[in-house]
Amino acid sequence: MIKPTSSFKENLQQLPSIDGVESLRLLDDAGREVASIENAPGKQGSLAVYQYLLEAFGVLNAEAAKHGLEVFGEHTLDAQNRPGAHPNIDRLLEIANGGATLSMTLIQR
């Protein structure tokens, strides 16, 4: 696991490549897809963080969510101040504060 800094840009440089990843799907406990993160401009940072959390934790539980919030660095504070502006961080905030654990599946190209 990485030791996150306060800089999202620095943290991204420590994460595994998302080359070859089409998307990441998030599933509830019944196996239903509740969200997905595509490998597309504007979403690639989130995809890299969530892929890393999948590799490091296996599921998106409170512990993984709290670590993910640290990885998002300065964007976490912005998300707290502007709910809805960063939906992938909002999801981590919800899970870190007692929301349901999600499973994750990578879809390769």
PDB file of N, CA and C in Angstrom:
ATOM      1  N   MET A   1       0.843  -1.185   0.000  1.00  0.00           N
ATOM      2  CA  MET A   1       0.000   0.000   0.000  1.00  0.00           C
ATOM      3  C   MET A   1       0.884   1.243   0.000  1.00  0.00           C
ATOM      4  N   ILE A   2       0.365   2.285  -0.626  1.00  0.00           N
ATOM      5  CA  ILE A   2       1.118   3.532  -0.656  1.00  0.00           C
ATOM      6  C   ILE A   2       0.860   4.327   0.621  1.00  0.00           C
ATOM      7  N   LYS A   3       1.753   5.241   0.908  1.00  0.00           N
ATOM      8  CA  LYS A   3       1.546   6.191   1.998  1.00  0.00           C
ATOM      9  C   LYS A   3       1.140   7.502   1.328  1.00  0.00           C
ATOM     10  N   PRO A   4      -0.155   7.827   1.350  1.00  0.00           N
ATOM     11  CA  PRO A   4      -0.624   9.002   0.623  1.00  0.00           C
ATOM     12  C   PRO A   4      -0.045  10.305   1.163  1.00  0.00           C
ATOM     13  N   THR A   5       0.202  11.230   0.246  1.00  0.00           N
ATOM     14  CA  THR A   5       0.585  12.589   0.606  1.00  0.00           C
ATOM     15  C   THR A   5      -0.680  13.442   0.513  1.00  0.00           C
ATOM     16  N   SER A   6      -0.565  14.726   0.743  1.00  0.00           N
ATOM     17  CA  SER A   6      -1.731  15.608   0.636  1.00  0.00           C
ATOM     18  C   SER A   6      -1.995  16.015  -0.812  1.00  0.00           C
ATOM     19  N   SER A   7      -1.135  15.584  -1.743  1.00  0.00           N
ATOM     20  CA  SER A   7      -1.267  15.956  -3.151  1.00  0.00           C
ATOM     21  C   SER A   7      -1.807  14.792  -3.979  1.00  0.00           C
ATOM     22  N   PHE A   8      -2.970  14.990  -4.584  1.00  0.00           N
ATOM     23  CA  PHE A   8      -3.550  13.960  -5.435  1.00  0.00           C
ATOM     24  C   PHE A   8      -2.605  13.625  -6.582  1.00  0.00           C
ATOM     25  N   LYS A   9      -2.012  14.627  -7.189  1.00  0.00           N
ATOM     26  CA  LYS A   9      -1.107  14.404  -8.318  1.00  0.00           C
ATOM     27  C   LYS A   9       0.058  13.499  -7.916  1.00  0.00           C
ATOM     28  N   GLU A  10       0.640  13.757  -6.760  1.00  0.00           N
ATOM     29  CA  GLU A  10       1.745  12.904  -6.277  1.00  0.00           C
ATOM     30  C   GLU A  10       1.261  11.489  -5.997  1.00  0.00           C
ATOM     31  N   ASN A  11       0.098  11.367  -5.416  1.00  0.00           N
ATOM     32  CA  ASN A  11      -0.444  10.043  -5.104  1.00  0.00           C
ATOM     33  C   ASN A  11      -0.724   9.243  -6.380  1.00  0.00           C
ATOM     34  N   LEU A  12      -1.264   9.917  -7.396  1.00  0.00           N
ATOM     35  CA  LEU A  12      -1.547   9.235  -8.668  1.00  0.00           C
ATOM     36  C   LEU A  12      -0.292   8.614  -9.263  1.00  0.00           C
ATOM     37  N   GLN A  13       0.838   9.287  -9.105  1.00  0.00           N
ATOM     38  CA  GLN A  13       2.097   8.792  -9.661  1.00  0.00           C
ATOM     39  C   GLN A  13       2.545   7.490  -9.007  1.00  0.00           C
ATOM     40  N   GLN A  14       2.007   7.199  -7.818  1.00  0.00           N
ATOM     41  CA  GLN A  14       2.367   5.974  -7.096  1.00  0.00           C
ATOM     42  C   GLN A  14       1.440   4.800  -7.412  1.00  0.00           C
ATOM     43  N   LEU A  15       0.356   5.062  -8.128  1.00  0.00           N
ATOM     44  CA  LEU A  15      -0.653   4.030  -8.368  1.00  0.00           C
ATOM     45  C   LEU A  15      -0.349   3.228  -9.629  1.00  0.00           C
ATOM     46  N   PRO A  16      -0.836   1.991  -9.676  1.00  0.00           N
ATOM     47  CA  PRO A  16      -0.658   1.169 -10.875  1.00  0.00           C
ATOM     48  C   PRO A  16      -1.329   1.795 -12.094  1.00  0.00           C
ATOM     49  N   SER A  17      -0.805   1.482 -13.253  1.00  0.00           N
ATOM     50  CA  SER A  17      -1.340   1.974 -14.516  1.00  0.00           C
ATOM     51  C   SER A  17      -2.744   1.434 -14.757  1.00  0.00           C
ATOM     52  N   ILE A  18      -3.550   2.241 -15.432  1.00  0.00           N
ATOM     53  CA  ILE A  18      -4.883   1.786 -15.827  1.00  0.00           C
ATOM     54  C   ILE A  18      -4.915   1.435 -17.311  1.00  0.00           C
ATOM     55  N   ASP A  19      -3.758   1.359 -17.947  1.00  0.00           N
ATOM     56  CA  ASP A  19      -3.699   0.929 -19.340  1.00  0.00           C
ATOM     57  C   ASP A  19      -4.342  -0.449 -19.451  1.00  0.00           C
ATOM     58  N   GLY A  20      -5.184  -0.630 -20.415  1.00  0.00           N
ATOM     59  CA  GLY A  20      -5.836  -1.916 -20.611  1.00  0.00           C
ATOM     60  C   GLY A  20      -7.120  -2.086 -19.829  1.00  0.00           C
ATOM     61  N   VAL A  21      -7.458  -1.114 -18.962  1.00  0.00           N
ATOM     62  CA  VAL A  21      -8.701  -1.192 -18.191  1.00  0.00           C
ATOM     63  C   VAL A  21      -9.776  -0.404 -18.928  1.00  0.00           C
ATOM     64  N   GLU A  22     -10.908  -1.042 -19.165  1.00  0.00           N
ATOM     65  CA  GLU A  22     -12.032  -0.366 -19.809  1.00  0.00           C
ATOM     66  C   GLU A  22     -12.870   0.384 -18.782  1.00  0.00           C
ATOM     67  N   SER A  23     -13.154  -0.299 -17.652  1.00  0.00           N
ATOM     68  CA  SER A  23     -13.978   0.307 -16.609  1.00  0.00           C
ATOM     69  C   SER A  23     -13.855  -0.508 -15.323  1.00  0.00           C
ATOM     70  N   LEU A  24     -14.420   0.056 -14.278  1.00  0.00           N
ATOM     71  CA  LEU A  24     -14.523  -0.647 -13.003  1.00  0.00           C
ATOM     72  C   LEU A  24     -15.979  -0.567 -12.595  1.00  0.00           C
ATOM     73  N   ARG A  25     -16.546  -1.696 -12.242  1.00  0.00           N
ATOM     74  CA  ARG A  25     -17.947  -1.747 -11.833  1.00  0.00           C
ATOM     75  C   ARG A  25     -18.032  -1.947 -10.330  1.00  0.00           C
ATOM     76  N   LEU A  26     -18.975  -1.235  -9.714  1.00  0.00           N
ATOM     77  CA  LEU A  26     -19.223  -1.347  -8.281  1.00  0.00           C
ATOM     78  C   LEU A  26     -20.552  -2.052  -8.086  1.00  0.00           C
ATOM     79  N   LEU A  27     -20.545  -3.070  -7.228  1.00  0.00           N
ATOM     80  CA  LEU A  27     -21.705  -3.933  -7.049  1.00  0.00           C
ATOM     81  C   LEU A  27     -22.146  -3.956  -5.595  1.00  0.00           C
ATOM     82  N   ASP A  28     -23.472  -3.990  -5.376  1.00  0.00           N
ATOM     83  CA  ASP A  28     -23.983  -4.107  -4.015  1.00  0.00           C
ATOM     84  C   ASP A  28     -23.918  -5.566  -3.562  1.00  0.00           C
ATOM     85  N   ASP A  29     -24.400  -5.838  -2.356  1.00  0.00           N
ATOM     86  CA  ASP A  29     -24.284  -7.192  -1.812  1.00  0.00           C
ATOM     87  C   ASP A  29     -25.145  -8.213  -2.553  1.00  0.00           C
ATOM     88  N   ALA A  30     -26.079  -7.749  -3.377  1.00  0.00           N
ATOM     89  CA  ALA A  30     -26.893  -8.649  -4.195  1.00  0.00           C
ATOM     90  C   ALA A  30     -26.295  -8.849  -5.583  1.00  0.00           C
ATOM     91  N   GLY A  31     -25.144  -8.211  -5.835  1.00  0.00           N
ATOM     92  CA  GLY A  31     -24.492  -8.354  -7.129  1.00  0.00           C
ATOM     93  C   GLY A  31     -24.991  -7.406  -8.202  1.00  0.00           C
ATOM     94  N   ARG A  32     -25.831  -6.440  -7.802  1.00  0.00           N
ATOM     95  CA  ARG A  32     -26.339  -5.458  -8.759  1.00  0.00           C
ATOM     96  C   ARG A  32     -25.335  -4.320  -8.932  1.00  0.00           C
ATOM     97  N   GLU A  33     -25.143  -3.900 -10.181  1.00  0.00           N
ATOM     98  CA  GLU A  33     -24.247  -2.775 -10.444  1.00  0.00           C
ATOM     99  C   GLU A  33     -24.901  -1.496  -9.939  1.00  0.00           C
ATOM    100  N   VAL A  34     -24.181  -0.769  -9.071  1.00  0.00           N
ATOM    101  CA  VAL A  34     -24.699   0.491  -8.535  1.00  0.00           C
ATOM    102  C   VAL A  34     -23.980   1.687  -9.146  1.00  0.00           C
ATOM    103  N   ALA A  35     -22.821   1.449  -9.750  1.00  0.00           N
ATOM    104  CA  ALA A  35     -22.063   2.515 -10.404  1.00  0.00           C
ATOM    105  C   ALA A  35     -20.952   1.892 -11.224  1.00  0.00           C
ATOM    106  N   SER A  36     -20.412   2.688 -12.144  1.00  0.00           N
ATOM    107  CA  SER A  36     -19.226   2.256 -12.869  1.00  0.00           C
ATOM    108  C   SER A  36     -18.370   3.487 -13.140  1.00  0.00           C
ATOM    109  N   ILE A  37     -17.079   3.241 -13.294  1.00  0.00           N
ATOM    110  CA  ILE A  37     -16.128   4.307 -13.605  1.00  0.00           C
ATOM    111  C   ILE A  37     -15.432   3.900 -14.891  1.00  0.00           C
ATOM    112  N   GLU A  38     -15.637   4.696 -15.922  1.00  0.00           N
ATOM    113  CA  GLU A  38     -15.081   4.397 -17.239  1.00  0.00           C
ATOM    114  C   GLU A  38     -13.664   4.952 -17.368  1.00  0.00           C
ATOM    115  N   ASN A  39     -12.888   4.345 -18.241  1.00  0.00           N
ATOM    116  CA  ASN A  39     -11.555   4.852 -18.563  1.00  0.00           C
ATOM    117  C   ASN A  39     -11.746   5.930 -19.628  1.00  0.00           C
ATOM    118  N   ALA A  40     -12.085   7.127 -19.167  1.00  0.00           N
ATOM    119  CA  ALA A  40     -12.376   8.249 -20.051  1.00  0.00           C
ATOM    120  C   ALA A  40     -11.813   9.520 -19.428  1.00  0.00           C
ATOM    121  N   PRO A  41     -11.498  10.509 -20.246  1.00  0.00           N
ATOM    122  CA  PRO A  41     -10.987  11.771 -19.699  1.00  0.00           C
ATOM    123  C   PRO A  41     -11.910  12.306 -18.606  1.00  0.00           C
ATOM    124  N   GLY A  42     -11.294  12.794 -17.543  1.00  0.00           N
ATOM    125  CA  GLY A  42     -12.043  13.313 -16.409  1.00  0.00           C
ATOM    126  C   GLY A  42     -12.393  12.263 -15.377  1.00  0.00           C
ATOM    127  N   LYS A  43     -12.230  10.982 -15.722  1.00  0.00           N
ATOM    128  CA  LYS A  43     -12.554   9.894 -14.796  1.00  0.00           C
ATOM    129  C   LYS A  43     -11.350   8.993 -14.527  1.00  0.00           C
ATOM    130  N   GLN A  44     -10.254   9.222 -15.240  1.00  0.00           N
ATOM    131  CA  GLN A  44      -9.112   8.314 -15.147  1.00  0.00           C
ATOM    132  C   GLN A  44      -8.437   8.346 -13.777  1.00  0.00           C
ATOM    133  N   GLY A  45      -8.420   9.499 -13.123  1.00  0.00           N
ATOM    134  CA  GLY A  45      -7.851   9.557 -11.774  1.00  0.00           C
ATOM    135  C   GLY A  45      -8.661   8.717 -10.810  1.00  0.00           C
ATOM    136  N   SER A  46      -9.978   8.852 -10.875  1.00  0.00           N
ATOM    137  CA  SER A  46     -10.854   8.047 -10.017  1.00  0.00           C
ATOM    138  C   SER A  46     -10.704   6.568 -10.327  1.00  0.00           C
ATOM    139  N   LEU A  47     -10.636   6.228 -11.617  1.00  0.00           N
ATOM    140  CA  LEU A  47     -10.456   4.832 -12.001  1.00  0.00           C
ATOM    141  C   LEU A  47      -9.165   4.278 -11.412  1.00  0.00           C
ATOM    142  N   ALA A  48      -8.092   5.057 -11.463  1.00  0.00           N
ATOM    143  CA  ALA A  48      -6.809   4.603 -10.914  1.00  0.00           C
ATOM    144  C   ALA A  48      -6.909   4.379  -9.406  1.00  0.00           C
ATOM    145  N   VAL A  49      -7.592   5.283  -8.696  1.00  0.00           N
ATOM    146  CA  VAL A  49      -7.735   5.135  -7.241  1.00  0.00           C
ATOM    147  C   VAL A  49      -8.562   3.896  -6.915  1.00  0.00           C
ATOM    148  N   TYR A  50      -9.694   3.737  -7.571  1.00  0.00           N
ATOM    149  CA  TYR A  50     -10.557   2.597  -7.274  1.00  0.00           C
ATOM    150  C   TYR A  50      -9.889   1.276  -7.662  1.00  0.00           C
ATOM    151  N   GLN A  51      -9.166   1.245  -8.780  1.00  0.00           N
ATOM    152  CA  GLN A  51      -8.439   0.028  -9.150  1.00  0.00           C
ATOM    153  C   GLN A  51      -7.416  -0.316  -8.068  1.00  0.00           C
ATOM    154  N   TYR A  52      -6.711   0.695  -7.585  1.00  0.00           N
ATOM    155  CA  TYR A  52      -5.736   0.496  -6.508  1.00  0.00           C
ATOM    156  C   TYR A  52      -6.424  -0.028  -5.246  1.00  0.00           C
ATOM    157  N   LEU A  53      -7.572   0.537  -4.896  1.00  0.00           N
ATOM    158  CA  LEU A  53      -8.297   0.072  -3.707  1.00  0.00           C
ATOM    159  C   LEU A  53      -8.741  -1.376  -3.877  1.00  0.00           C
ATOM    160  N   LEU A  54      -9.142  -1.754  -5.078  1.00  0.00           N
ATOM    161  CA  LEU A  54      -9.500  -3.151  -5.346  1.00  0.00           C
ATOM    162  C   LEU A  54      -8.297  -4.049  -5.111  1.00  0.00           C
ATOM    163  N   GLU A  55      -7.152  -3.662  -5.633  1.00  0.00           N
ATOM    164  CA  GLU A  55      -5.940  -4.474  -5.463  1.00  0.00           C
ATOM    165  C   GLU A  55      -5.492  -4.535  -4.002  1.00  0.00           C
ATOM    166  N   ALA A  56      -5.594  -3.417  -3.289  1.00  0.00           N
ATOM    167  CA  ALA A  56      -5.093  -3.343  -1.914  1.00  0.00           C
ATOM    168  C   ALA A  56      -6.052  -3.937  -0.884  1.00  0.00           C
ATOM    169  N   PHE A  57      -7.365  -3.809  -1.110  1.00  0.00           N
ATOM    170  CA  PHE A  57      -8.340  -4.211  -0.097  1.00  0.00           C
ATOM    171  C   PHE A  57      -9.289  -5.320  -0.546  1.00  0.00           C
ATOM    172  N   GLY A  58      -9.489  -5.478  -1.839  1.00  0.00           N
ATOM    173  CA  GLY A  58     -10.392  -6.516  -2.333  1.00  0.00           C
ATOM    174  C   GLY A  58     -11.843  -6.107  -2.390  1.00  0.00           C
ATOM    175  N   VAL A  59     -12.281  -5.250  -1.474  1.00  0.00           N
ATOM    176  CA  VAL A  59     -13.655  -4.730  -1.441  1.00  0.00           C
ATOM    177  C   VAL A  59     -13.589  -3.259  -1.046  1.00  0.00           C
ATOM    178  N   LEU A  60     -14.688  -2.579  -1.258  1.00  0.00           N
ATOM    179  CA  LEU A  60     -14.773  -1.170  -0.883  1.00  0.00           C
ATOM    180  C   LEU A  60     -15.553  -1.072   0.423  1.00  0.00           C
ATOM    181  N   ASN A  61     -14.816  -1.260   1.529  1.00  0.00           N
ATOM    182  CA  ASN A  61     -15.411  -1.165   2.854  1.00  0.00           C
ATOM    183  C   ASN A  61     -14.949   0.145   3.507  1.00  0.00           C
ATOM    184  N   ALA A  62     -15.291   0.347   4.783  1.00  0.00           N
ATOM    185  CA  ALA A  62     -14.950   1.599   5.460  1.00  0.00           C
ATOM    186  C   ALA A  62     -13.442   1.839   5.484  1.00  0.00           C
ATOM    187  N   GLU A  63     -12.663   0.802   5.745  1.00  0.00           N
ATOM    188  CA  GLU A  63     -11.205   0.947   5.791  1.00  0.00           C
ATOM    189  C   GLU A  63     -10.654   1.371   4.426  1.00  0.00           C
ATOM    190  N   ALA A  64     -11.107   0.716   3.370  1.00  0.00           N
ATOM    191  CA  ALA A  64     -10.663   1.060   2.018  1.00  0.00           C
ATOM    192  C   ALA A  64     -11.112   2.474   1.652  1.00  0.00           C
ATOM    193  N   ALA A  65     -12.331   2.828   1.999  1.00  0.00           N
ATOM    194  CA  ALA A  65     -12.855   4.154   1.678  1.00  0.00           C
ATOM    195  C   ALA A  65     -12.038   5.245   2.362  1.00  0.00           C
ATOM    196  N   LYS A  66     -11.703   5.048   3.627  1.00  0.00           N
ATOM    197  CA  LYS A  66     -10.900   6.051   4.347  1.00  0.00           C
ATOM    198  C   LYS A  66      -9.532   6.211   3.706  1.00  0.00           C
ATOM    199  N   HIS A  67      -8.934   5.111   3.311  1.00  0.00           N
ATOM    200  CA  HIS A  67      -7.633   5.180   2.632  1.00  0.00           C
ATOM    201  C   HIS A  67      -7.794   5.894   1.285  1.00  0.00           C
ATOM    202  N   GLY A  68      -8.844   5.575   0.559  1.00  0.00           N
ATOM    203  CA  GLY A  68      -9.106   6.231  -0.723  1.00  0.00           C
ATOM    204  C   GLY A  68      -9.264   7.736  -0.570  1.00  0.00           C
ATOM    205  N   LEU A  69      -9.924   8.161   0.495  1.00  0.00           N
ATOM    206  CA  LEU A  69     -10.082   9.597   0.742  1.00  0.00           C
ATOM    207  C   LEU A  69      -8.723  10.267   0.944  1.00  0.00           C
ATOM    208  N   GLU A  70      -7.800   9.569   1.593  1.00  0.00           N
ATOM    209  CA  GLU A  70      -6.443  10.101   1.758  1.00  0.00           C
ATOM    210  C   GLU A  70      -5.743  10.189   0.404  1.00  0.00           C
ATOM    211  N   VAL A  71      -5.946   9.193  -0.451  1.00  0.00           N
ATOM    212  CA  VAL A  71      -5.314   9.181  -1.769  1.00  0.00           C
ATOM    213  C   VAL A  71      -5.834  10.339  -2.625  1.00  0.00           C
ATOM    214  N   PHE A  72      -7.110  10.666  -2.506  1.00  0.00           N
ATOM    215  CA  PHE A  72      -7.663  11.770  -3.274  1.00  0.00           C
ATOM    216  C   PHE A  72      -7.132  13.132  -2.802  1.00  0.00           C
ATOM    217  N   GLY A  73      -6.407  13.156  -1.701  1.00  0.00           N
ATOM    218  CA  GLY A  73      -5.725  14.368  -1.249  1.00  0.00           C
ATOM    219  C   GLY A  73      -6.633  15.566  -1.118  1.00  0.00           C
ATOM    220  N   GLU A  74      -6.220  16.658  -1.740  1.00  0.00           N
ATOM    221  CA  GLU A  74      -6.937  17.934  -1.616  1.00  0.00           C
ATOM    222  C   GLU A  74      -8.350  17.885  -2.208  1.00  0.00           C
ATOM    223  N   HIS A  75      -8.612  16.934  -3.075  1.00  0.00           N
ATOM    224  CA  HIS A  75      -9.951  16.830  -3.670  1.00  0.00           C
ATOM    225  C   HIS A  75     -10.991  16.358  -2.650  1.00  0.00           C
ATOM    226  N   THR A  76     -10.547  15.665  -1.600  1.00  0.00           N
ATOM    227  CA  THR A  76     -11.484  15.206  -0.577  1.00  0.00           C
ATOM    228  C   THR A  76     -12.110  16.393   0.144  1.00  0.00           C
ATOM    229  N   LEU A  77     -11.319  17.377   0.511  1.00  0.00           N
ATOM    230  CA  LEU A  77     -11.848  18.567   1.179  1.00  0.00           C
ATOM    231  C   LEU A  77     -12.814  19.308   0.257  1.00  0.00           C
ATOM    232  N   ASP A  78     -12.464  19.410  -1.014  1.00  0.00           N
ATOM    233  CA  ASP A  78     -13.342  20.066  -1.976  1.00  0.00           C
ATOM    234  C   ASP A  78     -14.674  19.319  -2.076  1.00  0.00           C
ATOM    235  N   ALA A  79     -14.614  17.988  -2.081  1.00  0.00           N
ATOM    236  CA  ALA A  79     -15.842  17.189  -2.154  1.00  0.00           C
ATOM    237  C   ALA A  79     -16.706  17.394  -0.911  1.00  0.00           C
ATOM    238  N   GLN A  80     -16.072  17.508   0.246  1.00  0.00           N
ATOM    239  CA  GLN A  80     -16.827  17.735   1.476  1.00  0.00           C
ATOM    240  C   GLN A  80     -17.514  19.100   1.449  1.00  0.00           C
ATOM    241  N   ASN A  81     -16.858  20.073   0.842  1.00  0.00           N
ATOM    242  CA  ASN A  81     -17.402  21.427   0.771  1.00  0.00           C
ATOM    243  C   ASN A  81     -18.410  21.613  -0.358  1.00  0.00           C
ATOM    244  N   ARG A  82     -18.373  20.707  -1.344  1.00  0.00           N
ATOM    245  CA  ARG A  82     -19.261  20.821  -2.503  1.00  0.00           C
ATOM    246  C   ARG A  82     -19.875  19.468  -2.845  1.00  0.00           C
ATOM    247  N   PRO A  83     -20.800  18.970  -2.003  1.00  0.00           N
ATOM    248  CA  PRO A  83     -21.417  17.672  -2.269  1.00  0.00           C
ATOM    249  C   PRO A  83     -21.987  17.611  -3.685  1.00  0.00           C
ATOM    250  N   GLY A  84     -21.710  16.500  -4.361  1.00  0.00           N
ATOM    251  CA  GLY A  84     -22.193  16.300  -5.718  1.00  0.00           C
ATOM    252  C   GLY A  84     -21.179  16.663  -6.789  1.00  0.00           C
ATOM    253  N   ALA A  85     -20.163  17.450  -6.424  1.00  0.00           N
ATOM    254  CA  ALA A  85     -19.159  17.862  -7.410  1.00  0.00           C
ATOM    255  C   ALA A  85     -18.187  16.735  -7.746  1.00  0.00           C
ATOM    256  N   HIS A  86     -18.006  15.812  -6.826  1.00  0.00           N
ATOM    257  CA  HIS A  86     -17.064  14.701  -7.001  1.00  0.00           C
ATOM    258  C   HIS A  86     -17.764  13.401  -6.588  1.00  0.00           C
ATOM    259  N   PRO A  87     -18.616  12.841  -7.448  1.00  0.00           N
ATOM    260  CA  PRO A  87     -19.414  11.675  -7.038  1.00  0.00           C
ATOM    261  C   PRO A  87     -18.599  10.461  -6.596  1.00  0.00           C
ATOM    262  N   ASN A  88     -17.416  10.269  -7.168  1.00  0.00           N
ATOM    263  CA  ASN A  88     -16.616   9.110  -6.775  1.00  0.00           C
ATOM    264  C   ASN A  88     -16.000   9.304  -5.391  1.00  0.00           C
ATOM    265  N   ILE A  89     -15.766  10.539  -4.995  1.00  0.00           N
ATOM    266  CA  ILE A  89     -15.304  10.823  -3.630  1.00  0.00           C
ATOM    267  C   ILE A  89     -16.500  10.794  -2.686  1.00  0.00           C
ATOM    268  N   ASP A  90     -17.645  11.334  -3.130  1.00  0.00           N
ATOM    269  CA  ASP A  90     -18.861  11.284  -2.306  1.00  0.00           C
ATOM    270  C   ASP A  90     -19.172   9.851  -1.894  1.00  0.00           C
ATOM    271  N   ARG A  91     -18.994   8.907  -2.819  1.00  0.00           N
ATOM    272  CA  ARG A  91     -19.248   7.493  -2.528  1.00  0.00           C
ATOM    273  C   ARG A  91     -18.320   7.012  -1.411  1.00  0.00           C
ATOM    274  N   LEU A  92     -17.056   7.395  -1.486  1.00  0.00           N
ATOM    275  CA  LEU A  92     -16.107   6.984  -0.440  1.00  0.00           C
ATOM    276  C   LEU A  92     -16.477   7.605   0.902  1.00  0.00           C
ATOM    277  N   LEU A  93     -16.904   8.861   0.896  1.00  0.00           N
ATOM    278  CA  LEU A  93     -17.330   9.510   2.144  1.00  0.00           C
ATOM    279  C   LEU A  93     -18.504   8.762   2.761  1.00  0.00           C
ATOM    280  N   GLU A  94     -19.463   8.373   1.926  1.00  0.00           N
ATOM    281  CA  GLU A  94     -20.634   7.642   2.415  1.00  0.00           C
ATOM    282  C   GLU A  94     -20.229   6.303   3.039  1.00  0.00           C
ATOM    283  N   ILE A  95     -19.378   5.563   2.364  1.00  0.00           N
ATOM    284  CA  ILE A  95     -18.952   4.255   2.873  1.00  0.00           C
ATOM    285  C   ILE A  95     -18.108   4.417   4.131  1.00  0.00           C
ATOM    286  N   ALA A  96     -17.221   5.406   4.151  1.00  0.00           N
ATOM    287  CA  ALA A  96     -16.380   5.645   5.330  1.00  0.00           C
ATOM    288  C   ALA A  96     -17.221   5.990   6.549  1.00  0.00           C
ATOM    289  N   ASN A  97     -18.403   6.562   6.311  1.00  0.00           N
ATOM    290  CA  ASN A  97     -19.289   6.956   7.413  1.00  0.00           C
ATOM    291  C   ASN A  97     -20.386   5.945   7.683  1.00  0.00           C
ATOM    292  N   GLY A  98     -20.141   4.676   7.320  1.00  0.00           N
ATOM    293  CA  GLY A  98     -21.066   3.611   7.674  1.00  0.00           C
ATOM    294  C   GLY A  98     -21.910   3.074   6.548  1.00  0.00           C
ATOM    295  N   GLY A  99     -21.701   3.550   5.333  1.00  0.00           N
ATOM    296  CA  GLY A  99     -22.457   3.044   4.188  1.00  0.00           C
ATOM    297  C   GLY A  99     -22.100   1.601   3.879  1.00  0.00           C
ATOM    298  N   ALA A 100     -22.901   0.988   3.052  1.00  0.00           N
ATOM    299  CA  ALA A 100     -22.723  -0.423   2.718  1.00  0.00           C
ATOM    300  C   ALA A 100     -21.429  -0.665   1.934  1.00  0.00           C
ATOM    301  N   THR A 101     -20.809  -1.803   2.233  1.00  0.00           N
ATOM    302  CA  THR A 101     -19.630  -2.256   1.500  1.00  0.00           C
ATOM    303  C   THR A 101     -20.033  -2.624   0.077  1.00  0.00           C
ATOM    304  N   LEU A 102     -19.171  -2.278  -0.879  1.00  0.00           N
ATOM    305  CA  LEU A 102     -19.401  -2.634  -2.275  1.00  0.00           C
ATOM    306  C   LEU A 102     -18.284  -3.539  -2.761  1.00  0.00           C
ATOM    307  N   SER A 103     -18.615  -4.441  -3.671  1.00  0.00           N
ATOM    308  CA  SER A 103     -17.573  -5.203  -4.342  1.00  0.00           C
ATOM    309  C   SER A 103     -17.249  -4.488  -5.633  1.00  0.00           C
ATOM    310  N   MET A 104     -16.075  -4.804  -6.203  1.00  0.00           N
ATOM    311  CA  MET A 104     -15.617  -4.131  -7.406  1.00  0.00           C
ATOM    312  C   MET A 104     -15.113  -5.164  -8.399  1.00  0.00           C
ATOM    313  N   THR A 105     -15.360  -4.887  -9.662  1.00  0.00           N
ATOM    314  CA  THR A 105     -14.907  -5.757 -10.747  1.00  0.00           C
ATOM    315  C   THR A 105     -14.289  -4.907 -11.832  1.00  0.00           C
ATOM    316  N   LEU A 106     -13.073  -5.300 -12.259  1.00  0.00           N
ATOM    317  CA  LEU A 106     -12.406  -4.612 -13.363  1.00  0.00           C
ATOM    318  C   LEU A 106     -12.829  -5.229 -14.678  1.00  0.00           C
ATOM    319  N   ILE A 107     -13.098  -4.394 -15.656  1.00  0.00           N
ATOM    320  CA  ILE A 107     -13.397  -4.841 -17.011  1.00  0.00           C
ATOM    321  C   ILE A 107     -12.204  -4.445 -17.873  1.00  0.00           C
ATOM    322  N   GLN A 108     -11.531  -5.453 -18.416  1.00  0.00           N
ATOM    323  CA  GLN A 108     -10.344  -5.203 -19.254  1.00  0.00           C
ATOM    324  C   GLN A 108     -10.772  -4.927 -20.686  1.00  0.00           C
ATOM    325  N   ARG A 109      -9.938  -4.204 -21.414  1.00  0.00           N
ATOM    326  CA  ARG A 109     -10.217  -3.930 -22.833  1.00  0.00           C
ATOM    327  C   ARG A 109      -9.988  -5.160 -23.660  1.00  0.00           C
TER     328      ARG A 109
END
